[in-house]
N, C-alpha and C. Protein backbone atom coordinates (compact mmCIF):
# COMPACT_ATOMS: atom_id res chain seq x y z
N MET A 1 120.23 153.10 46.70
CA MET A 1 120.06 154.52 46.67
C MET A 1 118.58 154.86 46.81
N LYS A 2 118.31 155.92 47.59
CA LYS A 2 116.92 156.37 47.81
C LYS A 2 116.81 157.84 47.38
N LYS A 3 115.76 158.12 46.63
CA LYS A 3 115.43 159.50 46.27
C LYS A 3 114.43 160.03 47.30
N ILE A 4 114.80 161.10 47.98
CA ILE A 4 114.00 161.66 49.06
C ILE A 4 113.40 163.01 48.65
N LEU A 5 112.12 163.18 48.94
CA LEU A 5 111.49 164.50 48.82
C LEU A 5 111.21 164.96 50.25
N LEU A 6 111.68 166.16 50.59
CA LEU A 6 111.54 166.70 51.94
C LEU A 6 110.72 167.96 51.88
N LEU A 7 109.62 167.98 52.66
CA LEU A 7 108.74 169.16 52.73
C LEU A 7 108.31 169.41 54.15
N SER A 8 107.77 170.58 54.38
CA SER A 8 107.33 170.96 55.71
C SER A 8 106.29 172.07 55.59
N ASP A 9 105.61 172.32 56.67
CA ASP A 9 104.74 173.48 56.80
C ASP A 9 103.75 173.61 55.65
N THR A 10 103.04 172.50 55.39
CA THR A 10 101.98 172.53 54.38
C THR A 10 100.75 173.24 54.87
N HIS A 11 100.52 173.25 56.16
CA HIS A 11 99.37 173.92 56.75
C HIS A 11 98.08 173.62 55.99
N SER A 12 97.82 172.34 55.76
CA SER A 12 96.60 171.82 55.11
C SER A 12 96.59 171.98 53.60
N TYR A 13 97.68 172.44 53.01
CA TYR A 13 97.69 172.70 51.56
C TYR A 13 98.44 171.59 50.83
N ILE A 14 97.79 171.03 49.81
CA ILE A 14 98.38 170.05 48.94
C ILE A 14 97.86 170.33 47.52
N ASP A 15 98.71 170.24 46.55
CA ASP A 15 98.26 170.49 45.17
C ASP A 15 98.98 169.54 44.19
N ASP A 16 98.60 169.61 42.95
CA ASP A 16 99.16 168.72 41.91
C ASP A 16 100.66 168.94 41.74
N ARG A 17 101.10 170.16 41.96
CA ARG A 17 102.52 170.44 41.80
C ARG A 17 103.36 169.69 42.83
N ILE A 18 102.91 169.71 44.10
CA ILE A 18 103.59 168.94 45.13
C ILE A 18 103.53 167.44 44.78
N LEU A 19 102.36 166.97 44.39
CA LEU A 19 102.18 165.54 44.10
C LEU A 19 103.01 165.12 42.90
N HIS A 20 103.27 166.01 41.96
CA HIS A 20 104.15 165.71 40.82
C HIS A 20 105.53 165.25 41.32
N TYR A 21 106.06 165.99 42.32
CA TYR A 21 107.38 165.67 42.88
C TYR A 21 107.31 164.45 43.80
N VAL A 22 106.19 164.27 44.49
CA VAL A 22 106.00 163.06 45.29
C VAL A 22 106.17 161.81 44.44
N LYS A 23 105.56 161.84 43.26
CA LYS A 23 105.63 160.66 42.34
C LYS A 23 107.05 160.32 41.92
N GLN A 24 107.94 161.31 41.91
CA GLN A 24 109.33 161.10 41.48
C GLN A 24 110.23 160.54 42.60
N ALA A 25 109.78 160.59 43.85
CA ALA A 25 110.60 160.21 44.97
C ALA A 25 110.39 158.72 45.32
N ASP A 26 111.34 158.17 46.06
CA ASP A 26 111.20 156.85 46.64
C ASP A 26 110.49 156.95 48.00
N GLU A 27 110.82 158.00 48.75
CA GLU A 27 110.19 158.27 50.03
C GLU A 27 109.95 159.78 50.14
N VAL A 28 108.93 160.13 50.95
CA VAL A 28 108.64 161.52 51.25
C VAL A 28 108.76 161.70 52.76
N TRP A 29 109.45 162.79 53.16
CA TRP A 29 109.59 163.13 54.58
C TRP A 29 108.93 164.46 54.80
N HIS A 30 108.09 164.57 55.82
CA HIS A 30 107.39 165.80 56.16
C HIS A 30 107.78 166.23 57.55
N ALA A 31 108.33 167.45 57.66
CA ALA A 31 108.89 167.94 58.95
C ALA A 31 107.88 168.78 59.75
N GLY A 32 106.61 168.43 59.68
CA GLY A 32 105.63 169.00 60.60
C GLY A 32 104.86 170.21 60.11
N ASP A 33 103.85 170.59 60.92
CA ASP A 33 102.81 171.52 60.54
C ASP A 33 102.12 171.03 59.29
N ILE A 34 101.60 169.85 59.41
CA ILE A 34 100.87 169.18 58.36
C ILE A 34 99.53 169.87 58.11
N GLY A 35 98.82 170.16 59.20
CA GLY A 35 97.47 170.68 59.07
C GLY A 35 96.48 169.52 58.88
N ASP A 36 95.58 169.66 57.96
CA ASP A 36 94.61 168.61 57.67
C ASP A 36 95.33 167.35 57.18
N LEU A 37 94.92 166.19 57.71
CA LEU A 37 95.58 164.94 57.32
C LEU A 37 95.28 164.53 55.87
N LYS A 38 94.47 165.31 55.16
CA LYS A 38 94.31 165.04 53.72
C LYS A 38 95.66 165.21 53.02
N VAL A 39 96.52 166.02 53.57
CA VAL A 39 97.88 166.21 53.01
C VAL A 39 98.66 164.90 53.05
N THR A 40 98.77 164.33 54.24
CA THR A 40 99.53 163.09 54.38
C THR A 40 98.83 161.93 53.73
N ASP A 41 97.50 161.92 53.74
CA ASP A 41 96.75 160.86 53.04
C ASP A 41 97.04 160.87 51.54
N ALA A 42 97.10 162.05 50.93
CA ALA A 42 97.38 162.17 49.51
C ALA A 42 98.81 161.68 49.21
N ILE A 43 99.75 162.01 50.07
CA ILE A 43 101.13 161.58 49.86
C ILE A 43 101.23 160.07 50.02
N GLU A 44 100.67 159.56 51.10
CA GLU A 44 100.76 158.13 51.39
C GLU A 44 100.05 157.24 50.36
N ALA A 45 99.11 157.82 49.67
CA ALA A 45 98.45 157.08 48.57
C ALA A 45 99.40 156.84 47.40
N ILE A 46 100.49 157.59 47.36
CA ILE A 46 101.43 157.51 46.24
C ILE A 46 102.77 156.89 46.66
N LYS A 47 103.33 157.34 47.76
CA LYS A 47 104.68 156.91 48.20
C LYS A 47 104.76 156.72 49.71
N PRO A 48 105.75 155.94 50.18
CA PRO A 48 105.96 155.85 51.63
C PRO A 48 106.26 157.20 52.24
N LEU A 49 105.75 157.45 53.44
CA LEU A 49 105.88 158.73 54.13
C LEU A 49 106.39 158.55 55.52
N ARG A 50 107.33 159.43 55.88
CA ARG A 50 107.75 159.60 57.30
C ARG A 50 107.42 161.02 57.64
N ALA A 51 106.78 161.23 58.77
CA ALA A 51 106.33 162.58 59.15
C ALA A 51 106.38 162.74 60.66
N VAL A 52 106.48 164.00 61.07
CA VAL A 52 106.35 164.37 62.47
C VAL A 52 105.25 165.43 62.56
N TYR A 53 104.69 165.58 63.73
CA TYR A 53 103.71 166.64 63.90
C TYR A 53 104.41 167.92 64.30
N GLY A 54 103.74 169.04 64.02
CA GLY A 54 104.26 170.36 64.36
C GLY A 54 103.35 171.06 65.34
N ASN A 55 103.72 172.29 65.65
CA ASN A 55 103.01 173.03 66.68
C ASN A 55 101.57 173.40 66.31
N ILE A 56 101.21 173.43 65.01
CA ILE A 56 99.85 173.77 64.66
C ILE A 56 98.98 172.52 64.50
N ASP A 57 99.58 171.35 64.57
CA ASP A 57 98.83 170.13 64.28
C ASP A 57 97.92 169.71 65.42
N ASN A 58 96.77 169.18 65.06
CA ASN A 58 95.76 168.79 66.03
C ASN A 58 95.99 167.38 66.58
N ASP A 59 95.06 166.94 67.41
CA ASP A 59 95.19 165.62 68.06
C ASP A 59 95.27 164.47 67.05
N LYS A 60 94.56 164.60 65.93
CA LYS A 60 94.60 163.54 64.89
C LYS A 60 96.01 163.37 64.35
N ALA A 61 96.66 164.48 64.06
CA ALA A 61 98.04 164.41 63.55
C ALA A 61 98.98 163.90 64.65
N ARG A 62 98.77 164.29 65.87
CA ARG A 62 99.62 163.90 66.99
C ARG A 62 99.46 162.42 67.33
N VAL A 63 98.31 161.85 67.03
CA VAL A 63 98.12 160.41 67.19
C VAL A 63 98.77 159.65 66.03
N SER A 64 98.70 160.25 64.86
CA SER A 64 99.20 159.59 63.63
C SER A 64 100.71 159.66 63.50
N PHE A 65 101.33 160.72 63.98
CA PHE A 65 102.76 160.93 63.78
C PHE A 65 103.43 161.36 65.06
N PRO A 66 104.69 160.99 65.25
CA PRO A 66 105.39 161.38 66.50
C PRO A 66 105.97 162.79 66.40
N LEU A 67 106.46 163.27 67.52
CA LEU A 67 107.14 164.58 67.59
C LEU A 67 108.55 164.50 66.99
N HIS A 68 109.18 163.36 67.20
CA HIS A 68 110.54 163.11 66.69
C HIS A 68 110.55 161.78 65.93
N GLN A 69 111.31 161.74 64.86
CA GLN A 69 111.56 160.48 64.15
C GLN A 69 113.06 160.34 64.04
N ARG A 70 113.57 159.26 64.57
CA ARG A 70 115.00 158.92 64.39
C ARG A 70 115.03 157.57 63.71
N PHE A 71 115.81 157.46 62.61
CA PHE A 71 115.87 156.25 61.83
C PHE A 71 117.10 156.28 60.97
N ASN A 72 117.39 155.19 60.33
CA ASN A 72 118.46 155.13 59.35
C ASN A 72 117.87 154.98 57.96
N CYS A 73 118.40 155.72 57.03
CA CYS A 73 118.11 155.58 55.61
C CYS A 73 119.39 155.20 54.95
N GLU A 74 119.41 154.00 54.37
CA GLU A 74 120.66 153.45 53.89
C GLU A 74 121.61 153.43 55.12
N LYS A 75 122.76 154.10 55.05
CA LYS A 75 123.69 154.14 56.18
C LYS A 75 123.77 155.53 56.80
N VAL A 76 122.73 156.36 56.60
CA VAL A 76 122.67 157.71 57.13
C VAL A 76 121.68 157.74 58.30
N SER A 77 122.14 158.16 59.46
CA SER A 77 121.24 158.33 60.60
C SER A 77 120.53 159.69 60.44
N VAL A 78 119.21 159.64 60.60
CA VAL A 78 118.35 160.80 60.35
C VAL A 78 117.55 161.12 61.58
N TRP A 79 117.38 162.39 61.89
CA TRP A 79 116.48 162.85 62.94
C TRP A 79 115.63 163.94 62.34
N ILE A 80 114.32 163.74 62.37
CA ILE A 80 113.36 164.73 61.93
C ILE A 80 112.54 165.19 63.12
N THR A 81 112.41 166.47 63.29
CA THR A 81 111.54 167.07 64.31
C THR A 81 111.08 168.41 63.75
N HIS A 82 109.99 168.96 64.28
CA HIS A 82 109.48 170.20 63.71
C HIS A 82 110.28 171.41 64.18
N ILE A 83 110.46 171.53 65.50
CA ILE A 83 111.16 172.70 66.03
C ILE A 83 112.45 172.16 66.70
N GLY A 84 113.58 172.51 66.12
CA GLY A 84 114.82 172.01 66.68
C GLY A 84 115.95 173.04 66.67
N GLY A 85 115.74 174.14 65.97
CA GLY A 85 116.83 175.09 65.83
C GLY A 85 117.72 174.72 64.68
N TYR A 86 118.89 175.35 64.62
CA TYR A 86 119.83 175.13 63.51
C TYR A 86 121.23 175.43 64.03
N PRO A 87 122.25 174.97 63.36
CA PRO A 87 123.61 175.22 63.80
C PRO A 87 123.93 176.69 63.88
N PRO A 88 124.56 177.14 64.94
CA PRO A 88 124.82 176.46 66.22
C PRO A 88 123.72 176.74 67.24
N LYS A 89 122.57 177.27 66.78
CA LYS A 89 121.50 177.69 67.70
C LYS A 89 120.40 176.65 67.83
N TYR A 90 120.78 175.44 68.27
CA TYR A 90 119.78 174.43 68.53
C TYR A 90 118.97 174.80 69.76
N ASN A 91 117.73 174.34 69.81
CA ASN A 91 116.94 174.67 71.00
C ASN A 91 117.30 173.73 72.16
N SER A 92 116.77 174.05 73.33
CA SER A 92 117.17 173.29 74.52
C SER A 92 116.74 171.84 74.45
N THR A 93 115.73 171.50 73.69
CA THR A 93 115.27 170.11 73.57
C THR A 93 116.24 169.27 72.77
N THR A 94 116.85 169.87 71.76
CA THR A 94 117.67 169.08 70.85
C THR A 94 119.19 169.24 71.11
N ARG A 95 119.56 170.31 71.71
CA ARG A 95 121.03 170.61 71.87
C ARG A 95 121.82 169.48 72.49
N GLN A 96 121.36 169.01 73.65
CA GLN A 96 122.13 167.97 74.37
C GLN A 96 122.11 166.67 73.61
N GLU A 97 120.99 166.30 73.01
CA GLU A 97 120.90 165.05 72.25
C GLU A 97 121.83 165.10 71.03
N ILE A 98 121.90 166.24 70.37
CA ILE A 98 122.83 166.39 69.22
C ILE A 98 124.27 166.26 69.67
N LYS A 99 124.57 166.84 70.82
CA LYS A 99 125.94 166.71 71.36
C LYS A 99 126.29 165.28 71.72
N ASN A 100 125.35 164.58 72.37
CA ASN A 100 125.60 163.21 72.83
C ASN A 100 125.45 162.16 71.76
N ASN A 101 124.52 162.37 70.83
CA ASN A 101 124.22 161.33 69.83
C ASN A 101 123.77 162.01 68.52
N PRO A 102 124.72 162.66 67.86
CA PRO A 102 124.34 163.41 66.65
C PRO A 102 123.94 162.51 65.50
N PRO A 103 122.89 162.86 64.80
CA PRO A 103 122.56 162.15 63.57
C PRO A 103 123.50 162.67 62.44
N LYS A 104 123.51 162.01 61.33
CA LYS A 104 124.27 162.56 60.20
C LYS A 104 123.44 163.64 59.51
N LEU A 105 122.12 163.49 59.57
CA LEU A 105 121.19 164.45 58.94
C LEU A 105 120.14 164.86 59.96
N PHE A 106 120.08 166.16 60.25
CA PHE A 106 119.12 166.70 61.21
C PHE A 106 118.16 167.64 60.44
N ILE A 107 116.88 167.31 60.51
CA ILE A 107 115.86 168.00 59.72
C ILE A 107 114.82 168.64 60.63
N CYS A 108 114.53 169.91 60.36
CA CYS A 108 113.49 170.63 61.06
C CYS A 108 112.62 171.39 60.05
N GLY A 109 111.48 171.81 60.49
CA GLY A 109 110.63 172.74 59.74
C GLY A 109 110.46 173.98 60.56
N HIS A 110 109.25 174.46 60.68
CA HIS A 110 108.80 175.52 61.58
C HIS A 110 109.11 176.95 61.12
N SER A 111 110.35 177.23 60.71
CA SER A 111 110.71 178.65 60.45
C SER A 111 110.20 179.17 59.11
N HIS A 112 109.78 178.28 58.19
CA HIS A 112 109.40 178.64 56.83
C HIS A 112 110.56 179.21 56.06
N ILE A 113 111.78 179.06 56.56
CA ILE A 113 112.99 179.54 55.92
C ILE A 113 113.83 178.35 55.45
N LEU A 114 114.01 178.24 54.14
CA LEU A 114 114.83 177.16 53.62
C LEU A 114 116.28 177.35 54.04
N LYS A 115 116.85 176.32 54.65
CA LYS A 115 118.26 176.38 55.08
C LYS A 115 118.86 175.01 54.89
N VAL A 116 120.09 174.96 54.44
CA VAL A 116 120.91 173.77 54.45
C VAL A 116 122.25 174.21 54.99
N ILE A 117 122.60 173.72 56.16
CA ILE A 117 123.78 174.22 56.88
C ILE A 117 124.62 173.03 57.39
N PRO A 118 125.87 172.93 56.98
CA PRO A 118 126.73 171.92 57.60
C PRO A 118 127.09 172.34 59.02
N ASP A 119 127.03 171.38 59.95
CA ASP A 119 127.49 171.64 61.34
C ASP A 119 128.74 170.81 61.53
N ASN A 120 129.88 171.45 61.29
CA ASN A 120 131.17 170.76 61.37
C ASN A 120 131.53 170.40 62.79
N VAL A 121 131.02 171.13 63.77
CA VAL A 121 131.30 170.83 65.20
C VAL A 121 130.71 169.48 65.57
N ASN A 122 129.45 169.27 65.15
CA ASN A 122 128.77 168.03 65.52
C ASN A 122 128.76 166.98 64.39
N GLY A 123 129.35 167.30 63.27
CA GLY A 123 129.49 166.32 62.18
C GLY A 123 128.17 165.94 61.54
N LEU A 124 127.30 166.94 61.34
CA LEU A 124 126.00 166.64 60.75
C LEU A 124 125.64 167.68 59.67
N LEU A 125 124.62 167.37 58.92
CA LEU A 125 124.06 168.31 57.97
C LEU A 125 122.65 168.66 58.45
N HIS A 126 122.36 169.96 58.53
CA HIS A 126 121.02 170.42 58.91
C HIS A 126 120.28 170.83 57.65
N MET A 127 118.99 170.40 57.56
CA MET A 127 118.14 170.83 56.47
C MET A 127 116.80 171.30 56.99
N ASN A 128 116.33 172.42 56.42
CA ASN A 128 114.98 172.91 56.64
C ASN A 128 114.44 173.20 55.23
N PRO A 129 113.38 172.52 54.79
CA PRO A 129 112.93 172.70 53.41
C PRO A 129 112.13 173.95 53.14
N GLY A 130 111.97 174.82 54.13
CA GLY A 130 111.13 175.99 53.98
C GLY A 130 109.67 175.52 54.11
N ALA A 131 108.75 176.19 53.45
CA ALA A 131 107.32 175.90 53.56
C ALA A 131 106.72 175.58 52.20
N ALA A 132 106.03 174.46 52.11
CA ALA A 132 105.37 174.07 50.86
C ALA A 132 103.94 174.57 50.79
N GLY A 133 103.40 175.04 51.93
CA GLY A 133 102.04 175.53 51.97
C GLY A 133 101.93 176.99 51.68
N LYS A 134 100.71 177.49 51.82
CA LYS A 134 100.45 178.90 51.48
C LYS A 134 100.26 179.79 52.72
N HIS A 135 100.31 179.22 53.92
CA HIS A 135 100.13 179.98 55.12
C HIS A 135 101.47 180.35 55.75
N GLY A 136 101.68 181.62 56.08
CA GLY A 136 102.93 182.06 56.70
C GLY A 136 103.50 183.27 55.96
N PHE A 137 104.65 183.69 56.44
CA PHE A 137 105.27 184.93 55.92
C PHE A 137 106.14 184.70 54.70
N HIS A 138 106.46 183.45 54.36
CA HIS A 138 107.34 183.17 53.24
C HIS A 138 106.70 183.67 51.95
N LYS A 139 107.51 183.99 50.98
CA LYS A 139 107.02 184.49 49.69
C LYS A 139 106.92 183.36 48.65
N ILE A 140 107.92 182.47 48.65
CA ILE A 140 108.00 181.38 47.69
C ILE A 140 107.85 180.05 48.43
N ARG A 141 107.01 179.17 47.90
CA ARG A 141 106.87 177.82 48.46
C ARG A 141 108.03 176.97 48.01
N THR A 142 108.63 176.22 48.96
CA THR A 142 109.83 175.43 48.62
C THR A 142 109.77 174.04 49.22
N MET A 143 110.56 173.15 48.63
CA MET A 143 110.82 171.79 49.12
C MET A 143 112.27 171.49 48.78
N LEU A 144 112.78 170.39 49.30
CA LEU A 144 114.12 169.91 48.95
C LEU A 144 114.03 168.49 48.41
N ARG A 145 114.92 168.19 47.48
CA ARG A 145 115.00 166.84 46.95
C ARG A 145 116.48 166.42 46.97
N PHE A 146 116.77 165.19 47.35
CA PHE A 146 118.14 164.72 47.40
C PHE A 146 118.14 163.21 47.37
N THR A 147 119.34 162.65 47.22
CA THR A 147 119.49 161.20 47.26
C THR A 147 120.35 160.81 48.45
N ILE A 148 120.09 159.63 48.95
CA ILE A 148 120.96 159.03 49.96
C ILE A 148 121.46 157.73 49.34
N ASP A 149 122.78 157.64 49.20
CA ASP A 149 123.42 156.47 48.60
C ASP A 149 124.43 155.96 49.60
N GLU A 150 124.12 154.83 50.21
CA GLU A 150 124.98 154.28 51.29
C GLU A 150 125.08 155.35 52.40
N ASP A 151 126.25 155.96 52.57
CA ASP A 151 126.43 156.93 53.65
C ASP A 151 126.56 158.36 53.09
N LYS A 152 126.18 158.57 51.85
CA LYS A 152 126.32 159.88 51.21
C LYS A 152 124.99 160.56 50.96
N ILE A 153 124.91 161.82 51.28
CA ILE A 153 123.74 162.66 50.94
C ILE A 153 124.18 163.47 49.73
N GLU A 154 123.51 163.23 48.60
CA GLU A 154 123.95 163.84 47.33
C GLU A 154 122.82 164.44 46.55
N ASN A 155 123.17 165.09 45.46
CA ASN A 155 122.23 165.59 44.46
C ASN A 155 121.13 166.46 45.05
N LEU A 156 121.52 167.32 45.98
CA LEU A 156 120.57 168.20 46.64
C LEU A 156 120.02 169.24 45.69
N GLU A 157 118.71 169.37 45.61
CA GLU A 157 118.06 170.36 44.75
C GLU A 157 117.02 171.09 45.57
N VAL A 158 116.91 172.40 45.34
CA VAL A 158 115.83 173.22 45.86
C VAL A 158 114.70 173.22 44.82
N ILE A 159 113.53 172.90 45.28
CA ILE A 159 112.35 172.96 44.39
C ILE A 159 111.51 174.17 44.79
N GLU A 160 111.38 175.09 43.87
CA GLU A 160 110.51 176.23 44.10
C GLU A 160 109.17 175.97 43.49
N LEU A 161 108.12 176.06 44.29
CA LEU A 161 106.76 175.77 43.83
C LEU A 161 106.01 177.03 43.39
N GLY A 162 106.67 178.15 43.41
CA GLY A 162 106.03 179.39 43.01
C GLY A 162 105.59 180.22 44.22
N LYS A 163 105.00 181.35 43.93
CA LYS A 163 104.51 182.23 44.98
C LYS A 163 103.32 181.62 45.68
N LYS A 164 103.20 181.98 46.94
CA LYS A 164 102.08 181.38 47.72
C LYS A 164 100.77 182.02 47.41
C-alpha cells in the first residue's frame, strides 16, 4: 500500500503546512505549474516525488520534469499531465490516448479547481487537486491525499490549506 499526496499549481509557493502533509506520505505527485524549483527541492528532500511541468514553468523545470508521466503505482496505471481536460471534455492532446490506452487514474492540474470525477465510459478516475499555491483565482488552497492498495484507489481526502 502507498500513501499518496497529490498537489498542483504551487506557483513557487511552499510552506510548512504543505511540508507537514509531505512527511505523512509515501510519495508526492505534483501535477505542474511548479514555479521555482525550490518547491520540488523541498519536497524531494523529504519524500520521493513524481512531477510534470506546467504552462508557467521555465526551462529549468522543463529539463527536470516531463510534460507527461505514465507509470504504475502498485497495480494502478497512472497518467499525470498538467493540462488534459476532464471527463468528458478531454483536450485534443489527451482524448485519443485515453480512448486507446486509458489509465486507471488520470491526473491534471491547471484549472485551480479541485475535481474528482469517475469516467465510466473510459473506466478511469480523474483527479485534479486544485491549487496549493497562492497565485490564481481560487479562494482556498487544496491538495488531495489517498492510498493505492494493489488495484484500489482508496481513502481519498481533500486537504484544505486555508485561504490564499
